[in-house]
ModelCIF file with pLDDT and N, C-alpha, C, O atoms, coordinates in Angstrom:
data_MODEL
#
_entry.id   MODEL 
#
_entity.id                         1 
_entity.type                       polymer 
_entity.pdbx_number_of_molecules   1 
#
_entity_poly.entity_id                      1 
_entity_poly.type                           'polypeptide(L)' 
_entity_poly.nstd_linkage                   no 
_entity_poly.nstd_monomer                   no 
_entity_poly.pdbx_seq_one_letter_code       
;(UNK)(UNK)(UNK)(UNK)(UNK)(UNK)(UNK)(UNK)(UNK)(UNK)(UNK)(UNK)(UNK)(UNK)(UNK)(UNK)
(UNK)(UNK)(UNK)(UNK)(UNK)(UNK)(UNK)(UNK)(UNK)(UNK)(UNK)(UNK)(UNK)(UNK)(UNK)(UNK)
;
_entity_poly.pdbx_seq_one_letter_code_can   XXXXXXXXXXXXXXXXXXXXXXXXXXXXXXXX 
_entity_poly.pdbx_strand_id                 A 
#
loop_
_entity_poly_seq.entity_id 
_entity_poly_seq.num 
_entity_poly_seq.mon_id 
_entity_poly_seq.hetero 
1 1  UNK n 
1 2  UNK n 
1 3  UNK n 
1 4  UNK n 
1 5  UNK n 
1 6  UNK n 
1 7  UNK n 
1 8  UNK n 
1 9  UNK n 
1 10 UNK n 
1 11 UNK n 
1 12 UNK n 
1 13 UNK n 
1 14 UNK n 
1 15 UNK n 
1 16 UNK n 
1 17 UNK n 
1 18 UNK n 
1 19 UNK n 
1 20 UNK n 
1 21 UNK n 
1 22 UNK n 
1 23 UNK n 
1 24 UNK n 
1 25 UNK n 
1 26 UNK n 
1 27 UNK n 
1 28 UNK n 
1 29 UNK n 
1 30 UNK n 
1 31 UNK n 
1 32 UNK n 
#
_struct_asym.id          A 
_struct_asym.entity_id   1 
#
loop_
_ma_qa_metric.id 
_ma_qa_metric.mode 
_ma_qa_metric.name 
_ma_qa_metric.software_group_id 
_ma_qa_metric.type 
1 global pLDDT . pLDDT 
2 local  pLDDT . pLDDT 
#
_ma_qa_metric_global.metric_id      1 
_ma_qa_metric_global.metric_value   94.25 
_ma_qa_metric_global.model_id       1 
_ma_qa_metric_global.ordinal_id     1 
#
loop_
_ma_qa_metric_local.label_asym_id 
_ma_qa_metric_local.label_comp_id 
_ma_qa_metric_local.label_seq_id 
_ma_qa_metric_local.metric_id 
_ma_qa_metric_local.metric_value 
_ma_qa_metric_local.model_id 
_ma_qa_metric_local.ordinal_id 
A UNK 1  2 87.00 1 1  
A UNK 2  2 88.00 1 2  
A UNK 3  2 91.00 1 3  
A UNK 4  2 90.00 1 4  
A UNK 5  2 90.00 1 5  
A UNK 6  2 92.00 1 6  
A UNK 7  2 94.00 1 7  
A UNK 8  2 94.00 1 8  
A UNK 9  2 93.00 1 9  
A UNK 10 2 96.00 1 10 
A UNK 11 2 96.00 1 11 
A UNK 12 2 96.00 1 12 
A UNK 13 2 96.00 1 13 
A UNK 14 2 97.00 1 14 
A UNK 15 2 97.00 1 15 
A UNK 16 2 96.00 1 16 
A UNK 17 2 97.00 1 17 
A UNK 18 2 97.00 1 18 
A UNK 19 2 96.00 1 19 
A UNK 20 2 96.00 1 20 
A UNK 21 2 97.00 1 21 
A UNK 22 2 97.00 1 22 
A UNK 23 2 96.00 1 23 
A UNK 24 2 95.00 1 24 
A UNK 25 2 96.00 1 25 
A UNK 26 2 95.00 1 26 
A UNK 27 2 92.00 1 27 
A UNK 28 2 91.00 1 28 
A UNK 29 2 93.00 1 29 
A UNK 30 2 95.00 1 30 
A UNK 31 2 95.00 1 31 
A UNK 32 2 95.00 1 32 
#
loop_
_atom_site.group_PDB 
_atom_site.id 
_atom_site.type_symbol 
_atom_site.label_atom_id 
_atom_site.label_alt_id 
_atom_site.label_comp_id 
_atom_site.label_asym_id 
_atom_site.label_entity_id 
_atom_site.label_seq_id 
_atom_site.pdbx_PDB_ins_code 
_atom_site.Cartn_x 
_atom_site.Cartn_y 
_atom_site.Cartn_z 
_atom_site.occupancy 
_atom_site.B_iso_or_equiv 
_atom_site.pdbx_formal_charge 
_atom_site.auth_seq_id 
_atom_site.auth_comp_id 
_atom_site.auth_asym_id 
_atom_site.auth_atom_id 
_atom_site.pdbx_PDB_model_num 
ATOM 1   N N  . UNK A 1 1  ? -2.526  -14.321 5.962  1.00 87.00 ? 1  UNK A N  1 
ATOM 2   C CA . UNK A 1 1  ? -2.046  -12.999 6.996  1.00 87.00 ? 1  UNK A CA 1 
ATOM 3   C C  . UNK A 1 1  ? -3.091  -11.836 6.973  1.00 87.00 ? 1  UNK A C  1 
ATOM 4   O O  . UNK A 1 1  ? -3.773  -11.375 7.889  1.00 87.00 ? 1  UNK A O  1 
ATOM 5   N N  . UNK A 1 2  ? -3.009  -11.490 5.599  1.00 88.00 ? 2  UNK A N  1 
ATOM 6   C CA . UNK A 1 2  ? -3.654  -10.304 5.366  1.00 88.00 ? 2  UNK A CA 1 
ATOM 7   C C  . UNK A 1 2  ? -5.100  -9.951  5.530  1.00 88.00 ? 2  UNK A C  1 
ATOM 8   O O  . UNK A 1 2  ? -5.589  -8.855  5.805  1.00 88.00 ? 2  UNK A O  1 
ATOM 9   N N  . UNK A 1 3  ? -5.816  -11.352 5.258  1.00 91.00 ? 3  UNK A N  1 
ATOM 10  C CA . UNK A 1 3  ? -7.141  -11.686 5.475  1.00 91.00 ? 3  UNK A CA 1 
ATOM 11  C C  . UNK A 1 3  ? -7.177  -11.275 6.945  1.00 91.00 ? 3  UNK A C  1 
ATOM 12  O O  . UNK A 1 3  ? -7.656  -10.211 7.340  1.00 91.00 ? 3  UNK A O  1 
ATOM 13  N N  . UNK A 1 4  ? -6.580  -12.293 7.789  1.00 90.00 ? 4  UNK A N  1 
ATOM 14  C CA . UNK A 1 4  ? -6.550  -11.894 9.390  1.00 90.00 ? 4  UNK A CA 1 
ATOM 15  C C  . UNK A 1 4  ? -6.411  -10.626 10.109 1.00 90.00 ? 4  UNK A C  1 
ATOM 16  O O  . UNK A 1 4  ? -6.796  -10.398 11.256 1.00 90.00 ? 4  UNK A O  1 
ATOM 17  N N  . UNK A 1 5  ? -5.849  -9.869  9.349  1.00 90.00 ? 5  UNK A N  1 
ATOM 18  C CA . UNK A 1 5  ? -5.445  -8.551  9.682  1.00 90.00 ? 5  UNK A CA 1 
ATOM 19  C C  . UNK A 1 5  ? -6.249  -7.511  9.452  1.00 90.00 ? 5  UNK A C  1 
ATOM 20  O O  . UNK A 1 5  ? -6.458  -6.536  10.174 1.00 90.00 ? 5  UNK A O  1 
ATOM 21  N N  . UNK A 1 6  ? -6.837  -7.865  8.046  1.00 92.00 ? 6  UNK A N  1 
ATOM 22  C CA . UNK A 1 6  ? -8.015  -7.178  7.600  1.00 92.00 ? 6  UNK A CA 1 
ATOM 23  C C  . UNK A 1 6  ? -9.409  -7.171  8.828  1.00 92.00 ? 6  UNK A C  1 
ATOM 24  O O  . UNK A 1 6  ? -9.783  -6.191  9.472  1.00 92.00 ? 6  UNK A O  1 
ATOM 25  N N  . UNK A 1 7  ? -10.027 -8.692  8.882  1.00 94.00 ? 7  UNK A N  1 
ATOM 26  C CA . UNK A 1 7  ? -10.719 -8.888  9.951  1.00 94.00 ? 7  UNK A CA 1 
ATOM 27  C C  . UNK A 1 7  ? -10.612 -8.318  11.155 1.00 94.00 ? 7  UNK A C  1 
ATOM 28  O O  . UNK A 1 7  ? -11.509 -7.537  11.471 1.00 94.00 ? 7  UNK A O  1 
ATOM 29  N N  . UNK A 1 8  ? -9.623  -8.541  12.004 1.00 94.00 ? 8  UNK A N  1 
ATOM 30  C CA . UNK A 1 8  ? -9.381  -7.980  13.184 1.00 94.00 ? 8  UNK A CA 1 
ATOM 31  C C  . UNK A 1 8  ? -9.342  -6.442  12.842 1.00 94.00 ? 8  UNK A C  1 
ATOM 32  O O  . UNK A 1 8  ? -10.310 -5.919  13.394 1.00 94.00 ? 8  UNK A O  1 
ATOM 33  N N  . UNK A 1 9  ? -8.838  -5.815  12.371 1.00 93.00 ? 9  UNK A N  1 
ATOM 34  C CA . UNK A 1 9  ? -9.188  -4.391  11.837 1.00 93.00 ? 9  UNK A CA 1 
ATOM 35  C C  . UNK A 1 9  ? -10.555 -3.783  11.901 1.00 93.00 ? 9  UNK A C  1 
ATOM 36  O O  . UNK A 1 9  ? -10.921 -2.790  12.531 1.00 93.00 ? 9  UNK A O  1 
ATOM 37  N N  . UNK A 1 10 ? -11.205 -4.550  11.151 1.00 96.00 ? 10 UNK A N  1 
ATOM 38  C CA . UNK A 1 10 ? -12.910 -4.534  10.737 1.00 96.00 ? 10 UNK A CA 1 
ATOM 39  C C  . UNK A 1 10 ? -13.646 -4.654  12.046 1.00 96.00 ? 10 UNK A C  1 
ATOM 40  O O  . UNK A 1 10 ? -14.621 -3.952  12.313 1.00 96.00 ? 10 UNK A O  1 
ATOM 41  N N  . UNK A 1 11 ? -13.147 -5.564  12.849 1.00 96.00 ? 11 UNK A N  1 
ATOM 42  C CA . UNK A 1 11 ? -14.027 -5.626  14.147 1.00 96.00 ? 11 UNK A CA 1 
ATOM 43  C C  . UNK A 1 11 ? -13.607 -4.319  15.125 1.00 96.00 ? 11 UNK A C  1 
ATOM 44  O O  . UNK A 1 11 ? -14.239 -3.537  15.835 1.00 96.00 ? 11 UNK A O  1 
ATOM 45  N N  . UNK A 1 12 ? -12.383 -4.485  14.818 1.00 96.00 ? 12 UNK A N  1 
ATOM 46  C CA . UNK A 1 12 ? -12.125 -2.861  16.106 1.00 96.00 ? 12 UNK A CA 1 
ATOM 47  C C  . UNK A 1 12 ? -12.931 -1.937  15.864 1.00 96.00 ? 12 UNK A C  1 
ATOM 48  O O  . UNK A 1 12 ? -13.617 -1.392  16.730 1.00 96.00 ? 12 UNK A O  1 
ATOM 49  N N  . UNK A 1 13 ? -12.942 -1.599  14.418 1.00 96.00 ? 13 UNK A N  1 
ATOM 50  C CA . UNK A 1 13 ? -13.450 -0.644  13.762 1.00 96.00 ? 13 UNK A CA 1 
ATOM 51  C C  . UNK A 1 13 ? -14.831 -0.495  14.155 1.00 96.00 ? 13 UNK A C  1 
ATOM 52  O O  . UNK A 1 13 ? -15.279 0.491   14.741 1.00 96.00 ? 13 UNK A O  1 
ATOM 53  N N  . UNK A 1 14 ? -15.603 -1.698  13.743 1.00 97.00 ? 14 UNK A N  1 
ATOM 54  C CA . UNK A 1 14 ? -17.310 -1.470  14.145 1.00 97.00 ? 14 UNK A CA 1 
ATOM 55  C C  . UNK A 1 14 ? -17.412 -1.609  15.437 1.00 97.00 ? 14 UNK A C  1 
ATOM 56  O O  . UNK A 1 14 ? -18.400 -0.981  15.817 1.00 97.00 ? 14 UNK A O  1 
ATOM 57  N N  . UNK A 1 15 ? -16.672 -2.318  16.618 1.00 97.00 ? 15 UNK A N  1 
ATOM 58  C CA . UNK A 1 15 ? -16.718 -2.387  17.903 1.00 97.00 ? 15 UNK A CA 1 
ATOM 59  C C  . UNK A 1 15 ? -16.582 -0.617  18.253 1.00 97.00 ? 15 UNK A C  1 
ATOM 60  O O  . UNK A 1 15 ? -17.560 -0.227  18.891 1.00 97.00 ? 15 UNK A O  1 
ATOM 61  N N  . UNK A 1 16 ? -15.743 0.281   18.003 1.00 96.00 ? 16 UNK A N  1 
ATOM 62  C CA . UNK A 1 16 ? -15.396 1.663   18.464 1.00 96.00 ? 16 UNK A CA 1 
ATOM 63  C C  . UNK A 1 16 ? -16.683 2.522   17.432 1.00 96.00 ? 16 UNK A C  1 
ATOM 64  O O  . UNK A 1 16 ? -17.614 3.090   18.003 1.00 96.00 ? 16 UNK A O  1 
ATOM 65  N N  . UNK A 1 17 ? -16.609 2.519   16.382 1.00 97.00 ? 17 UNK A N  1 
ATOM 66  C CA . UNK A 1 17 ? -17.355 3.066   15.654 1.00 97.00 ? 17 UNK A CA 1 
ATOM 67  C C  . UNK A 1 17 ? -19.097 3.080   15.852 1.00 97.00 ? 17 UNK A C  1 
ATOM 68  O O  . UNK A 1 17 ? -19.822 4.033   16.139 1.00 97.00 ? 17 UNK A O  1 
ATOM 69  N N  . UNK A 1 18 ? -19.409 1.829   15.616 1.00 97.00 ? 18 UNK A N  1 
ATOM 70  C CA . UNK A 1 18 ? -20.850 1.473   15.849 1.00 97.00 ? 18 UNK A CA 1 
ATOM 71  C C  . UNK A 1 18 ? -21.267 0.845   17.097 1.00 97.00 ? 18 UNK A C  1 
ATOM 72  O O  . UNK A 1 18 ? -22.113 1.497   17.710 1.00 97.00 ? 18 UNK A O  1 
ATOM 73  N N  . UNK A 1 19 ? -21.007 0.078   17.474 1.00 96.00 ? 19 UNK A N  1 
ATOM 74  C CA . UNK A 1 19 ? -21.307 -0.668  19.115 1.00 96.00 ? 19 UNK A CA 1 
ATOM 75  C C  . UNK A 1 19 ? -20.888 0.543   19.971 1.00 96.00 ? 19 UNK A C  1 
ATOM 76  O O  . UNK A 1 19 ? -21.825 0.803   20.726 1.00 96.00 ? 19 UNK A O  1 
ATOM 77  N N  . UNK A 1 20 ? -19.861 1.382   20.154 1.00 96.00 ? 20 UNK A N  1 
ATOM 78  C CA . UNK A 1 20 ? -19.825 2.766   20.705 1.00 96.00 ? 20 UNK A CA 1 
ATOM 79  C C  . UNK A 1 20 ? -20.326 3.632   20.742 1.00 96.00 ? 20 UNK A C  1 
ATOM 80  O O  . UNK A 1 20 ? -21.156 3.961   21.589 1.00 96.00 ? 20 UNK A O  1 
ATOM 81  N N  . UNK A 1 21 ? -19.814 4.467   19.481 1.00 97.00 ? 21 UNK A N  1 
ATOM 82  C CA . UNK A 1 21 ? -20.124 5.690   19.346 1.00 97.00 ? 21 UNK A CA 1 
ATOM 83  C C  . UNK A 1 21 ? -21.063 5.830   18.807 1.00 97.00 ? 21 UNK A C  1 
ATOM 84  O O  . UNK A 1 21 ? -21.691 6.794   19.243 1.00 97.00 ? 21 UNK A O  1 
ATOM 85  N N  . UNK A 1 22 ? -21.681 5.158   17.754 1.00 97.00 ? 22 UNK A N  1 
ATOM 86  C CA . UNK A 1 22 ? -23.108 5.458   17.179 1.00 97.00 ? 22 UNK A CA 1 
ATOM 87  C C  . UNK A 1 22 ? -24.284 4.616   18.406 1.00 97.00 ? 22 UNK A C  1 
ATOM 88  O O  . UNK A 1 22 ? -25.368 5.184   18.535 1.00 97.00 ? 22 UNK A O  1 
ATOM 89  N N  . UNK A 1 23 ? -24.129 3.756   18.968 1.00 96.00 ? 23 UNK A N  1 
ATOM 90  C CA . UNK A 1 23 ? -25.049 3.618   20.257 1.00 96.00 ? 23 UNK A CA 1 
ATOM 91  C C  . UNK A 1 23 ? -25.129 4.417   21.156 1.00 96.00 ? 23 UNK A C  1 
ATOM 92  O O  . UNK A 1 23 ? -26.173 4.491   21.805 1.00 96.00 ? 23 UNK A O  1 
ATOM 93  N N  . UNK A 1 24 ? -24.146 5.152   21.404 1.00 95.00 ? 24 UNK A N  1 
ATOM 94  C CA . UNK A 1 24 ? -24.091 6.359   22.324 1.00 95.00 ? 24 UNK A CA 1 
ATOM 95  C C  . UNK A 1 24 ? -24.718 7.478   22.269 1.00 95.00 ? 24 UNK A C  1 
ATOM 96  O O  . UNK A 1 24 ? -25.275 8.146   23.140 1.00 95.00 ? 24 UNK A O  1 
ATOM 97  N N  . UNK A 1 25 ? -24.534 7.661   20.837 1.00 96.00 ? 25 UNK A N  1 
ATOM 98  C CA . UNK A 1 25 ? -24.954 9.022   20.155 1.00 96.00 ? 25 UNK A CA 1 
ATOM 99  C C  . UNK A 1 25 ? -26.419 8.888   20.201 1.00 96.00 ? 25 UNK A C  1 
ATOM 100 O O  . UNK A 1 25 ? -27.238 9.664   20.693 1.00 96.00 ? 25 UNK A O  1 
ATOM 101 N N  . UNK A 1 26 ? -26.650 7.489   19.451 1.00 95.00 ? 26 UNK A N  1 
ATOM 102 C CA . UNK A 1 26 ? -28.195 7.170   19.292 1.00 95.00 ? 26 UNK A CA 1 
ATOM 103 C C  . UNK A 1 26 ? -29.194 6.938   20.417 1.00 95.00 ? 26 UNK A C  1 
ATOM 104 O O  . UNK A 1 26 ? -30.420 7.043   20.438 1.00 95.00 ? 26 UNK A O  1 
ATOM 105 N N  . UNK A 1 27 ? -28.285 6.583   21.369 1.00 92.00 ? 27 UNK A N  1 
ATOM 106 C CA . UNK A 1 27 ? -29.519 6.768   22.971 1.00 92.00 ? 27 UNK A CA 1 
ATOM 107 C C  . UNK A 1 27 ? -29.472 8.229   23.377 1.00 92.00 ? 27 UNK A C  1 
ATOM 108 O O  . UNK A 1 27 ? -30.318 8.611   24.187 1.00 92.00 ? 27 UNK A O  1 
ATOM 109 N N  . UNK A 1 28 ? -28.551 9.114   22.892 1.00 91.00 ? 28 UNK A N  1 
ATOM 110 C CA . UNK A 1 28 ? -28.890 10.473  23.229 1.00 91.00 ? 28 UNK A CA 1 
ATOM 111 C C  . UNK A 1 28 ? -29.605 11.565  22.541 1.00 91.00 ? 28 UNK A C  1 
ATOM 112 O O  . UNK A 1 28 ? -30.185 12.592  22.894 1.00 91.00 ? 28 UNK A O  1 
ATOM 113 N N  . UNK A 1 29 ? -29.322 10.901  21.315 1.00 93.00 ? 29 UNK A N  1 
ATOM 114 C CA . UNK A 1 29 ? -30.003 12.037  19.980 1.00 93.00 ? 29 UNK A CA 1 
ATOM 115 C C  . UNK A 1 29 ? -30.587 11.310  19.027 1.00 93.00 ? 29 UNK A C  1 
ATOM 116 O O  . UNK A 1 29 ? -30.812 11.681  17.875 1.00 93.00 ? 29 UNK A O  1 
ATOM 117 N N  . UNK A 1 30 ? -30.795 10.432  19.433 1.00 95.00 ? 30 UNK A N  1 
ATOM 118 C CA . UNK A 1 30 ? -31.633 9.433   17.982 1.00 95.00 ? 30 UNK A CA 1 
ATOM 119 C C  . UNK A 1 30 ? -30.998 8.832   17.128 1.00 95.00 ? 30 UNK A C  1 
ATOM 120 O O  . UNK A 1 30 ? -29.793 9.069   17.208 1.00 95.00 ? 30 UNK A O  1 
ATOM 121 N N  . UNK A 1 31 ? -31.308 8.076   16.251 1.00 95.00 ? 31 UNK A N  1 
ATOM 122 C CA . UNK A 1 31 ? -30.899 7.286   15.029 1.00 95.00 ? 31 UNK A CA 1 
ATOM 123 C C  . UNK A 1 31 ? -30.064 8.394   14.020 1.00 95.00 ? 31 UNK A C  1 
ATOM 124 O O  . UNK A 1 31 ? -28.881 8.579   13.734 1.00 95.00 ? 31 UNK A O  1 
ATOM 125 N N  . UNK A 1 32 ? -31.217 8.948   13.692 1.00 95.00 ? 32 UNK A N  1 
ATOM 126 C CA . UNK A 1 32 ? -30.791 10.143  12.514 1.00 95.00 ? 32 UNK A CA 1 
ATOM 127 C C  . UNK A 1 32 ? -29.482 11.058  12.849 1.00 95.00 ? 32 UNK A C  1 
ATOM 128 O O  . UNK A 1 32 ? -29.118 11.928  12.058 1.00 95.00 ? 32 UNK A O  1 
#
């Protein structure tokens, strides 16, 4: 159960911080 919670939390964090926040910033200001 703990592994499932950790996996779900990891996916949600990566979705928000990398797929959304990072990508949108990257498109506007570049990767660096």
